[in-house]
């Protein structure tokens, strides 16, 4: 799929300068930037959908953990007394 981008001369010059400094082509630099953006936005959307799903489950069941319960559990990570995750409750 061929796609073209229209960028202003100032940005084009900046891209070319950076590409030269990095010893990469301007094309490579732009593809890398687009890939990073898409991956970041996909992760953000996934996080948002997970949060909405969790909120819907909470509204349906009322089951939850308090912030203090989670902090207490997380504080055991990477220690000899690492605990299993706490059980959700109403």
PDB file of N, CA and C in Angstrom:
ATOM      1  N   UNK A   1       0.847  -1.165   0.000  1.00  0.00           N
ATOM      2  CA  UNK A   1       0.000   0.000   0.000  1.00  0.00           C
ATOM      3  C   UNK A   1       0.900   1.239   0.000  1.00  0.00           C
ATOM      4  N   UNK A   2       0.816   2.006  -1.036  1.00  0.00           N
ATOM      5  CA  UNK A   2       1.615   3.239  -1.125  1.00  0.00           C
ATOM      6  C   UNK A   2       0.843   4.374  -0.461  1.00  0.00           C
ATOM      7  N   UNK A   3       1.544   5.098   0.374  1.00  0.00           N
ATOM      8  CA  UNK A   3       0.954   6.228   1.082  1.00  0.00           C
ATOM      9  C   UNK A   3       1.925   7.385   0.993  1.00  0.00           C
ATOM     10  N   UNK A   4       1.378   8.580   0.833  1.00  0.00           N
ATOM     11  CA  UNK A   4       2.261   9.744   0.811  1.00  0.00           C
ATOM     12  C   UNK A   4       1.875  10.671   1.953  1.00  0.00           C
ATOM     13  N   UNK A   5       2.865  11.376   2.450  1.00  0.00           N
ATOM     14  CA  UNK A   5       2.659  12.344   3.519  1.00  0.00           C
ATOM     15  C   UNK A   5       3.078  13.715   3.016  1.00  0.00           C
ATOM     16  N   UNK A   6       2.311  14.711   3.341  1.00  0.00           N
ATOM     17  CA  UNK A   6       2.703  16.074   3.010  1.00  0.00           C
ATOM     18  C   UNK A   6       3.179  16.735   4.295  1.00  0.00           C
ATOM     19  N   UNK A   7       4.443  17.097   4.322  1.00  0.00           N
ATOM     20  CA  UNK A   7       5.000  17.755   5.496  1.00  0.00           C
ATOM     21  C   UNK A   7       5.603  19.088   5.061  1.00  0.00           C
ATOM     22  N   UNK A   8       5.577  20.037   5.971  1.00  0.00           N
ATOM     23  CA  UNK A   8       6.111  21.352   5.621  1.00  0.00           C
ATOM     24  C   UNK A   8       7.632  21.311   5.520  1.00  0.00           C
ATOM     25  N   UNK A   9       8.177  22.324   4.905  1.00  0.00           N
ATOM     26  CA  UNK A   9       9.623  22.362   4.644  1.00  0.00           C
ATOM     27  C   UNK A   9      10.449  22.358   5.922  1.00  0.00           C
ATOM     28  N   UNK A  10       9.966  23.019   6.967  1.00  0.00           N
ATOM     29  CA  UNK A  10      10.721  23.073   8.223  1.00  0.00           C
ATOM     30  C   UNK A  10      10.836  21.681   8.830  1.00  0.00           C
ATOM     31  N   UNK A  11       9.719  20.955   8.903  1.00  0.00           N
ATOM     32  CA  UNK A  11       9.750  19.598   9.456  1.00  0.00           C
ATOM     33  C   UNK A  11      10.584  18.675   8.568  1.00  0.00           C
ATOM     34  N   UNK A  12      10.425  18.816   7.267  1.00  0.00           N
ATOM     35  CA  UNK A  12      11.207  17.995   6.338  1.00  0.00           C
ATOM     36  C   UNK A  12      12.701  18.193   6.578  1.00  0.00           C
ATOM     37  N   UNK A  13      13.122  19.429   6.762  1.00  0.00           N
ATOM     38  CA  UNK A  13      14.526  19.720   7.023  1.00  0.00           C
ATOM     39  C   UNK A  13      14.983  19.115   8.339  1.00  0.00           C
ATOM     40  N   UNK A  14      14.152  19.209   9.361  1.00  0.00           N
ATOM     41  CA  UNK A  14      14.482  18.625  10.663  1.00  0.00           C
ATOM     42  C   UNK A  14      14.657  17.119  10.553  1.00  0.00           C
ATOM     43  N   UNK A  15      13.760  16.468   9.819  1.00  0.00           N
ATOM     44  CA  UNK A  15      13.836  15.017   9.629  1.00  0.00           C
ATOM     45  C   UNK A  15      15.122  14.655   8.895  1.00  0.00           C
ATOM     46  N   UNK A  16      15.433  15.400   7.847  1.00  0.00           N
ATOM     47  CA  UNK A  16      16.641  15.116   7.077  1.00  0.00           C
ATOM     48  C   UNK A  16      17.894  15.317   7.926  1.00  0.00           C
ATOM     49  N   UNK A  17      17.919  16.361   8.743  1.00  0.00           N
ATOM     50  CA  UNK A  17      19.068  16.600   9.618  1.00  0.00           C
ATOM     51  C   UNK A  17      19.234  15.470  10.632  1.00  0.00           C
ATOM     52  N   UNK A  18      18.135  15.067  11.256  1.00  0.00           N
ATOM     53  CA  UNK A  18      18.196  13.993  12.240  1.00  0.00           C
ATOM     54  C   UNK A  18      18.605  12.675  11.587  1.00  0.00           C
ATOM     55  N   UNK A  19      18.055  12.414  10.423  1.00  0.00           N
ATOM     56  CA  UNK A  19      18.408  11.183   9.703  1.00  0.00           C
ATOM     57  C   UNK A  19      19.898  11.158   9.403  1.00  0.00           C
ATOM     58  N   UNK A  20      20.431  12.287   9.003  1.00  0.00           N
ATOM     59  CA  UNK A  20      21.861  12.372   8.718  1.00  0.00           C
ATOM     60  C   UNK A  20      22.681  12.121   9.984  1.00  0.00           C
ATOM     61  N   UNK A  21      22.269  12.713  11.085  1.00  0.00           N
ATOM     62  CA  UNK A  21      22.977  12.520  12.352  1.00  0.00           C
ATOM     63  C   UNK A  21      22.933  11.067  12.798  1.00  0.00           C
ATOM     64  N   UNK A  22      21.826  10.412  12.578  1.00  0.00           N
ATOM     65  CA  UNK A  22      21.657   9.022  12.999  1.00  0.00           C
ATOM     66  C   UNK A  22      22.160   8.024  11.967  1.00  0.00           C
ATOM     67  N   UNK A  23      22.598   8.529  10.828  1.00  0.00           N
ATOM     68  CA  UNK A  23      23.056   7.679   9.726  1.00  0.00           C
ATOM     69  C   UNK A  23      21.972   6.702   9.291  1.00  0.00           C
ATOM     70  N   UNK A  24      20.795   7.241   9.171  1.00  0.00           N
ATOM     71  CA  UNK A  24      19.619   6.504   8.691  1.00  0.00           C
ATOM     72  C   UNK A  24      18.996   7.319   7.567  1.00  0.00           C
ATOM     73  N   UNK A  25      18.131   6.701   6.814  1.00  0.00           N
ATOM     74  CA  UNK A  25      17.405   7.461   5.796  1.00  0.00           C
ATOM     75  C   UNK A  25      16.228   8.184   6.457  1.00  0.00           C
ATOM     76  N   UNK A  26      15.785   9.242   5.824  1.00  0.00           N
ATOM     77  CA  UNK A  26      14.604   9.954   6.314  1.00  0.00           C
ATOM     78  C   UNK A  26      13.402   8.998   6.312  1.00  0.00           C
ATOM     79  N   UNK A  27      13.333   8.152   5.302  1.00  0.00           N
ATOM     80  CA  UNK A  27      12.257   7.159   5.202  1.00  0.00           C
ATOM     81  C   UNK A  27      12.256   6.237   6.420  1.00  0.00           C
ATOM     82  N   UNK A  28      13.435   5.722   6.789  1.00  0.00           N
ATOM     83  CA  UNK A  28      13.540   4.841   7.952  1.00  0.00           C
ATOM     84  C   UNK A  28      13.086   5.560   9.215  1.00  0.00           C
ATOM     85  N   UNK A  29      13.523   6.806   9.374  1.00  0.00           N
ATOM     86  CA  UNK A  29      13.184   7.588  10.562  1.00  0.00           C
ATOM     87  C   UNK A  29      11.670   7.780  10.681  1.00  0.00           C
ATOM     88  N   UNK A  30      11.029   8.114   9.557  1.00  0.00           N
ATOM     89  CA  UNK A  30       9.577   8.342   9.576  1.00  0.00           C
ATOM     90  C   UNK A  30       8.817   7.051   9.844  1.00  0.00           C
ATOM     91  N   UNK A  31       9.256   5.946   9.242  1.00  0.00           N
ATOM     92  CA  UNK A  31       8.600   4.660   9.506  1.00  0.00           C
ATOM     93  C   UNK A  31       8.727   4.274  10.971  1.00  0.00           C
ATOM     94  N   UNK A  32       9.917   4.475  11.535  1.00  0.00           N
ATOM     95  CA  UNK A  32      10.139   4.153  12.937  1.00  0.00           C
ATOM     96  C   UNK A  32       9.238   5.009  13.835  1.00  0.00           C
ATOM     97  N   UNK A  33       9.142   6.291  13.529  1.00  0.00           N
ATOM     98  CA  UNK A  33       8.297   7.181  14.329  1.00  0.00           C
ATOM     99  C   UNK A  33       6.828   6.766  14.253  1.00  0.00           C
ATOM    100  N   UNK A  34       6.371   6.421  13.069  1.00  0.00           N
ATOM    101  CA  UNK A  34       4.980   5.998  12.907  1.00  0.00           C
ATOM    102  C   UNK A  34       4.734   4.692  13.653  1.00  0.00           C
ATOM    103  N   UNK A  35       5.665   3.750  13.541  1.00  0.00           N
ATOM    104  CA  UNK A  35       5.505   2.473  14.241  1.00  0.00           C
ATOM    105  C   UNK A  35       5.437   2.686  15.746  1.00  0.00           C
ATOM    106  N   UNK A  36       6.337   3.488  16.293  1.00  0.00           N
ATOM    107  CA  UNK A  36       6.321   3.764  17.730  1.00  0.00           C
ATOM    108  C   UNK A  36       5.006   4.416  18.160  1.00  0.00           C
ATOM    109  N   UNK A  37       4.522   5.362  17.363  1.00  0.00           N
ATOM    110  CA  UNK A  37       3.260   6.038  17.674  1.00  0.00           C
ATOM    111  C   UNK A  37       2.100   5.039  17.690  1.00  0.00           C
ATOM    112  N   UNK A  38       2.027   4.210  16.651  1.00  0.00           N
ATOM    113  CA  UNK A  38       0.922   3.245  16.561  1.00  0.00           C
ATOM    114  C   UNK A  38       0.979   2.251  17.725  1.00  0.00           C
ATOM    115  N   UNK A  39       2.161   1.748  18.057  1.00  0.00           N
ATOM    116  CA  UNK A  39       2.285   0.816  19.178  1.00  0.00           C
ATOM    117  C   UNK A  39       1.870   1.472  20.487  1.00  0.00           C
ATOM    118  N   UNK A  40       2.291   2.715  20.703  1.00  0.00           N
ATOM    119  CA  UNK A  40       1.940   3.437  21.929  1.00  0.00           C
ATOM    120  C   UNK A  40       0.430   3.658  22.012  1.00  0.00           C
ATOM    121  N   UNK A  41      -0.188   4.061  20.897  1.00  0.00           N
ATOM    122  CA  UNK A  41      -1.621   4.314  20.894  1.00  0.00           C
ATOM    123  C   UNK A  41      -2.432   3.030  21.014  1.00  0.00           C
ATOM    124  N   UNK A  42      -1.949   1.939  20.430  1.00  0.00           N
ATOM    125  CA  UNK A  42      -2.624   0.641  20.602  1.00  0.00           C
ATOM    126  C   UNK A  42      -2.575   0.211  22.061  1.00  0.00           C
ATOM    127  N   UNK A  43      -1.422   0.393  22.705  1.00  0.00           N
ATOM    128  CA  UNK A  43      -1.294   0.038  24.127  1.00  0.00           C
ATOM    129  C   UNK A  43      -2.222   0.908  24.968  1.00  0.00           C
ATOM    130  N   UNK A  44      -2.288   2.197  24.641  1.00  0.00           N
ATOM    131  CA  UNK A  44      -3.174   3.111  25.379  1.00  0.00           C
ATOM    132  C   UNK A  44      -4.638   2.695  25.217  1.00  0.00           C
ATOM    133  N   UNK A  45      -5.022   2.324  24.002  1.00  0.00           N
ATOM    134  CA  UNK A  45      -6.398   1.903  23.752  1.00  0.00           C
ATOM    135  C   UNK A  45      -6.704   0.592  24.479  1.00  0.00           C
ATOM    136  N   UNK A  46      -5.746  -0.325  24.483  1.00  0.00           N
ATOM    137  CA  UNK A  46      -5.925  -1.588  25.197  1.00  0.00           C
ATOM    138  C   UNK A  46      -6.111  -1.330  26.695  1.00  0.00           C
ATOM    139  N   UNK A  47      -5.300  -0.450  27.254  1.00  0.00           N
ATOM    140  CA  UNK A  47      -5.413  -0.096  28.670  1.00  0.00           C
ATOM    141  C   UNK A  47      -6.778   0.518  28.957  1.00  0.00           C
ATOM    142  N   UNK A  48      -7.231   1.397  28.074  1.00  0.00           N
ATOM    143  CA  UNK A  48      -8.544   2.040  28.238  1.00  0.00           C
ATOM    144  C   UNK A  48      -9.657   0.991  28.212  1.00  0.00           C
ATOM    145  N   UNK A  49      -9.588   0.059  27.244  1.00  0.00           N
ATOM    146  CA  UNK A  49     -10.622  -0.972  27.146  1.00  0.00           C
ATOM    147  C   UNK A  49     -10.622  -1.884  28.370  1.00  0.00           C
ATOM    148  N   UNK A  50      -9.424  -2.209  28.882  1.00  0.00           N
ATOM    149  CA  UNK A  50      -9.328  -3.029  30.087  1.00  0.00           C
ATOM    150  C   UNK A  50      -9.936  -2.300  31.281  1.00  0.00           C
ATOM    151  N   UNK A  51      -9.682  -1.009  31.372  1.00  0.00           N
ATOM    152  CA  UNK A  51     -10.240  -0.214  32.468  1.00  0.00           C
ATOM    153  C   UNK A  51     -11.764  -0.159  32.380  1.00  0.00           C
ATOM    154  N   UNK A  52     -12.289   0.040  31.181  1.00  0.00           N
ATOM    155  CA  UNK A  52     -13.744   0.075  31.009  1.00  0.00           C
ATOM    156  C   UNK A  52     -14.371  -1.275  31.343  1.00  0.00           C
ATOM    157  N   UNK A  53     -13.696  -2.353  30.956  1.00  0.00           N
ATOM    158  CA  UNK A  53     -14.188  -3.693  31.269  1.00  0.00           C
ATOM    159  C   UNK A  53     -14.173  -3.934  32.779  1.00  0.00           C
ATOM    160  N   UNK A  54     -13.095  -3.500  33.432  1.00  0.00           N
ATOM    161  CA  UNK A  54     -12.996  -3.651  34.889  1.00  0.00           C
ATOM    162  C   UNK A  54     -14.073  -2.845  35.595  1.00  0.00           C
ATOM    163  N   UNK A  55     -14.320  -1.640  35.117  1.00  0.00           N
ATOM    164  CA  UNK A  55     -15.351  -0.790  35.715  1.00  0.00           C
ATOM    165  C   UNK A  55     -16.725  -1.434  35.553  1.00  0.00           C
ATOM    166  N   UNK A  56     -16.997  -1.999  34.374  1.00  0.00           N
ATOM    167  CA  UNK A  56     -18.279  -2.668  34.140  1.00  0.00           C
ATOM    168  C   UNK A  56     -18.430  -3.871  35.066  1.00  0.00           C
ATOM    169  N   UNK A  57     -17.349  -4.637  35.245  1.00  0.00           N
ATOM    170  CA  UNK A  57     -17.402  -5.806  36.142  1.00  0.00           C
ATOM    171  C   UNK A  57     -17.639  -5.352  37.578  1.00  0.00           C
ATOM    172  N   UNK A  58     -16.992  -4.264  37.990  1.00  0.00           N
ATOM    173  CA  UNK A  58     -17.203  -3.747  39.351  1.00  0.00           C
ATOM    174  C   UNK A  58     -18.648  -3.303  39.538  1.00  0.00           C
ATOM    175  N   UNK A  59     -19.187  -2.589  38.544  1.00  0.00           N
ATOM    176  CA  UNK A  59     -20.572  -2.133  38.659  1.00  0.00           C
ATOM    177  C   UNK A  59     -21.544  -3.302  38.726  1.00  0.00           C
ATOM    178  N   UNK A  60     -21.217  -4.379  38.046  1.00  0.00           N
ATOM    179  CA  UNK A  60     -22.082  -5.554  38.027  1.00  0.00           C
ATOM    180  C   UNK A  60     -21.985  -6.358  39.322  1.00  0.00           C
ATOM    181  N   UNK A  61     -20.772  -6.523  39.855  1.00  0.00           N
ATOM    182  CA  UNK A  61     -20.578  -7.423  40.990  1.00  0.00           C
ATOM    183  C   UNK A  61     -20.251  -6.725  42.301  1.00  0.00           C
ATOM    184  N   UNK A  62     -19.674  -5.537  42.227  1.00  0.00           N
ATOM    185  CA  UNK A  62     -19.253  -4.830  43.434  1.00  0.00           C
ATOM    186  C   UNK A  62     -17.953  -5.367  44.017  1.00  0.00           C
ATOM    187  N   UNK A  63     -17.370  -6.381  43.378  1.00  0.00           N
ATOM    188  CA  UNK A  63     -16.135  -6.983  43.883  1.00  0.00           C
ATOM    189  C   UNK A  63     -14.961  -6.079  43.540  1.00  0.00           C
ATOM    190  N   UNK A  64     -14.037  -5.927  44.515  1.00  0.00           N
ATOM    191  CA  UNK A  64     -12.930  -4.994  44.342  1.00  0.00           C
ATOM    192  C   UNK A  64     -11.805  -5.274  45.335  1.00  0.00           C
ATOM    193  N   UNK A  65     -10.720  -4.539  45.172  1.00  0.00           N
ATOM    194  CA  UNK A  65      -9.639  -4.467  46.157  1.00  0.00           C
ATOM    195  C   UNK A  65      -9.450  -2.994  46.481  1.00  0.00           C
ATOM    196  N   UNK A  66      -9.070  -2.704  47.696  1.00  0.00           N
ATOM    197  CA  UNK A  66      -8.764  -1.324  48.038  1.00  0.00           C
ATOM    198  C   UNK A  66      -7.332  -1.016  47.606  1.00  0.00           C
ATOM    199  N   UNK A  67      -7.026   0.258  47.491  1.00  0.00           N
ATOM    200  CA  UNK A  67      -5.672   0.668  47.161  1.00  0.00           C
ATOM    201  C   UNK A  67      -4.673   0.167  48.185  1.00  0.00           C
ATOM    202  N   UNK A  68      -5.054   0.205  49.451  1.00  0.00           N
ATOM    203  CA  UNK A  68      -4.161  -0.254  50.519  1.00  0.00           C
ATOM    204  C   UNK A  68      -3.889  -1.748  50.389  1.00  0.00           C
ATOM    205  N   UNK A  69      -4.897  -2.534  50.048  1.00  0.00           N
ATOM    206  CA  UNK A  69      -4.699  -3.977  49.863  1.00  0.00           C
ATOM    207  C   UNK A  69      -3.716  -4.253  48.720  1.00  0.00           C
ATOM    208  N   UNK A  70      -3.862  -3.518  47.639  1.00  0.00           N
ATOM    209  CA  UNK A  70      -2.969  -3.701  46.501  1.00  0.00           C
ATOM    210  C   UNK A  70      -1.551  -3.275  46.865  1.00  0.00           C
ATOM    211  N   UNK A  71      -1.402  -2.106  47.536  1.00  0.00           N
ATOM    212  CA  UNK A  71      -0.066  -1.636  47.937  1.00  0.00           C
ATOM    213  C   UNK A  71       0.614  -2.627  48.866  1.00  0.00           C
ATOM    214  N   UNK A  72      -0.124  -3.172  49.816  1.00  0.00           N
ATOM    215  CA  UNK A  72       0.440  -4.151  50.748  1.00  0.00           C
ATOM    216  C   UNK A  72       0.943  -5.374  49.985  1.00  0.00           C
ATOM    217  N   UNK A  73       0.141  -5.853  49.050  1.00  0.00           N
ATOM    218  CA  UNK A  73       0.536  -6.998  48.238  1.00  0.00           C
ATOM    219  C   UNK A  73       1.763  -6.667  47.386  1.00  0.00           C
ATOM    220  N   UNK A  74       1.750  -5.521  46.704  1.00  0.00           N
ATOM    221  CA  UNK A  74       2.874  -5.154  45.843  1.00  0.00           C
ATOM    222  C   UNK A  74       4.167  -4.986  46.630  1.00  0.00           C
ATOM    223  N   UNK A  75       4.075  -4.552  47.854  1.00  0.00           N
ATOM    224  CA  UNK A  75       5.265  -4.381  48.689  1.00  0.00           C
ATOM    225  C   UNK A  75       5.945  -5.711  49.020  1.00  0.00           C
ATOM    226  N   UNK A  76       5.246  -6.834  48.806  1.00  0.00           N
ATOM    227  CA  UNK A  76       5.857  -8.145  49.067  1.00  0.00           C
ATOM    228  C   UNK A  76       6.609  -8.672  47.853  1.00  0.00           C
ATOM    229  N   UNK A  77       6.436  -8.037  46.700  1.00  0.00           N
ATOM    230  CA  UNK A  77       7.101  -8.502  45.491  1.00  0.00           C
ATOM    231  C   UNK A  77       8.610  -8.439  45.656  1.00  0.00           C
ATOM    232  N   UNK A  78       9.275  -9.383  45.061  1.00  0.00           N
ATOM    233  CA  UNK A  78      10.740  -9.454  45.063  1.00  0.00           C
ATOM    234  C   UNK A  78      11.308  -9.552  46.476  1.00  0.00           C
ATOM    235  N   UNK A  79      10.565 -10.248  47.331  1.00  0.00           N
ATOM    236  CA  UNK A  79      11.058 -10.492  48.690  1.00  0.00           C
ATOM    237  C   UNK A  79      10.862 -11.969  49.010  1.00  0.00           C
ATOM    238  N   UNK A  80      11.447 -12.395  50.104  1.00  0.00           N
ATOM    239  CA  UNK A  80      11.291 -13.796  50.514  1.00  0.00           C
ATOM    240  C   UNK A  80       9.867 -14.092  50.973  1.00  0.00           C
ATOM    241  N   UNK A  81       9.127 -13.045  51.316  1.00  0.00           N
ATOM    242  CA  UNK A  81       7.749 -13.215  51.793  1.00  0.00           C
ATOM    243  C   UNK A  81       6.717 -12.811  50.739  1.00  0.00           C
ATOM    244  N   UNK A  82       7.056 -13.012  49.448  1.00  0.00           N
ATOM    245  CA  UNK A  82       6.118 -12.608  48.392  1.00  0.00           C
ATOM    246  C   UNK A  82       4.798 -13.365  48.542  1.00  0.00           C
ATOM    247  N   UNK A  83       3.717 -12.607  48.518  1.00  0.00           N
ATOM    248  CA  UNK A  83       2.390 -13.173  48.748  1.00  0.00           C
ATOM    249  C   UNK A  83       1.628 -13.346  47.429  1.00  0.00           C
ATOM    250  N   UNK A  84       0.645 -14.220  47.460  1.00  0.00           N
ATOM    251  CA  UNK A  84      -0.268 -14.359  46.326  1.00  0.00           C
ATOM    252  C   UNK A  84      -1.174 -13.137  46.290  1.00  0.00           C
ATOM    253  N   UNK A  85      -1.735 -12.802  45.140  1.00  0.00           N
ATOM    254  CA  UNK A  85      -2.610 -11.633  45.085  1.00  0.00           C
ATOM    255  C   UNK A  85      -3.806 -11.821  46.011  1.00  0.00           C
ATOM    256  N   UNK A  86      -4.254 -10.729  46.635  1.00  0.00           N
ATOM    257  CA  UNK A  86      -5.411 -10.840  47.534  1.00  0.00           C
ATOM    258  C   UNK A  86      -6.685 -11.144  46.744  1.00  0.00           C
ATOM    259  N   UNK A  87      -7.639 -11.719  47.425  1.00  0.00           N
ATOM    260  CA  UNK A  87      -8.927 -12.025  46.807  1.00  0.00           C
ATOM    261  C   UNK A  87      -9.810 -10.784  46.783  1.00  0.00           C
ATOM    262  N   UNK A  88     -10.510 -10.592  45.686  1.00  0.00           N
ATOM    263  CA  UNK A  88     -11.465  -9.484  45.614  1.00  0.00           C
ATOM    264  C   UNK A  88     -12.623  -9.740  46.562  1.00  0.00           C
ATOM    265  N   UNK A  89     -13.227  -8.672  47.019  1.00  0.00           N
ATOM    266  CA  UNK A  89     -14.360  -8.766  47.956  1.00  0.00           C
ATOM    267  C   UNK A  89     -15.364  -7.678  47.647  1.00  0.00           C
ATOM    268  N   UNK A  90     -16.533  -7.788  48.273  1.00  0.00           N
ATOM    269  CA  UNK A  90     -17.548  -6.750  48.082  1.00  0.00           C
ATOM    270  C   UNK A  90     -17.378  -5.661  49.098  1.00  0.00           C
TER     271      UNK A  90
END
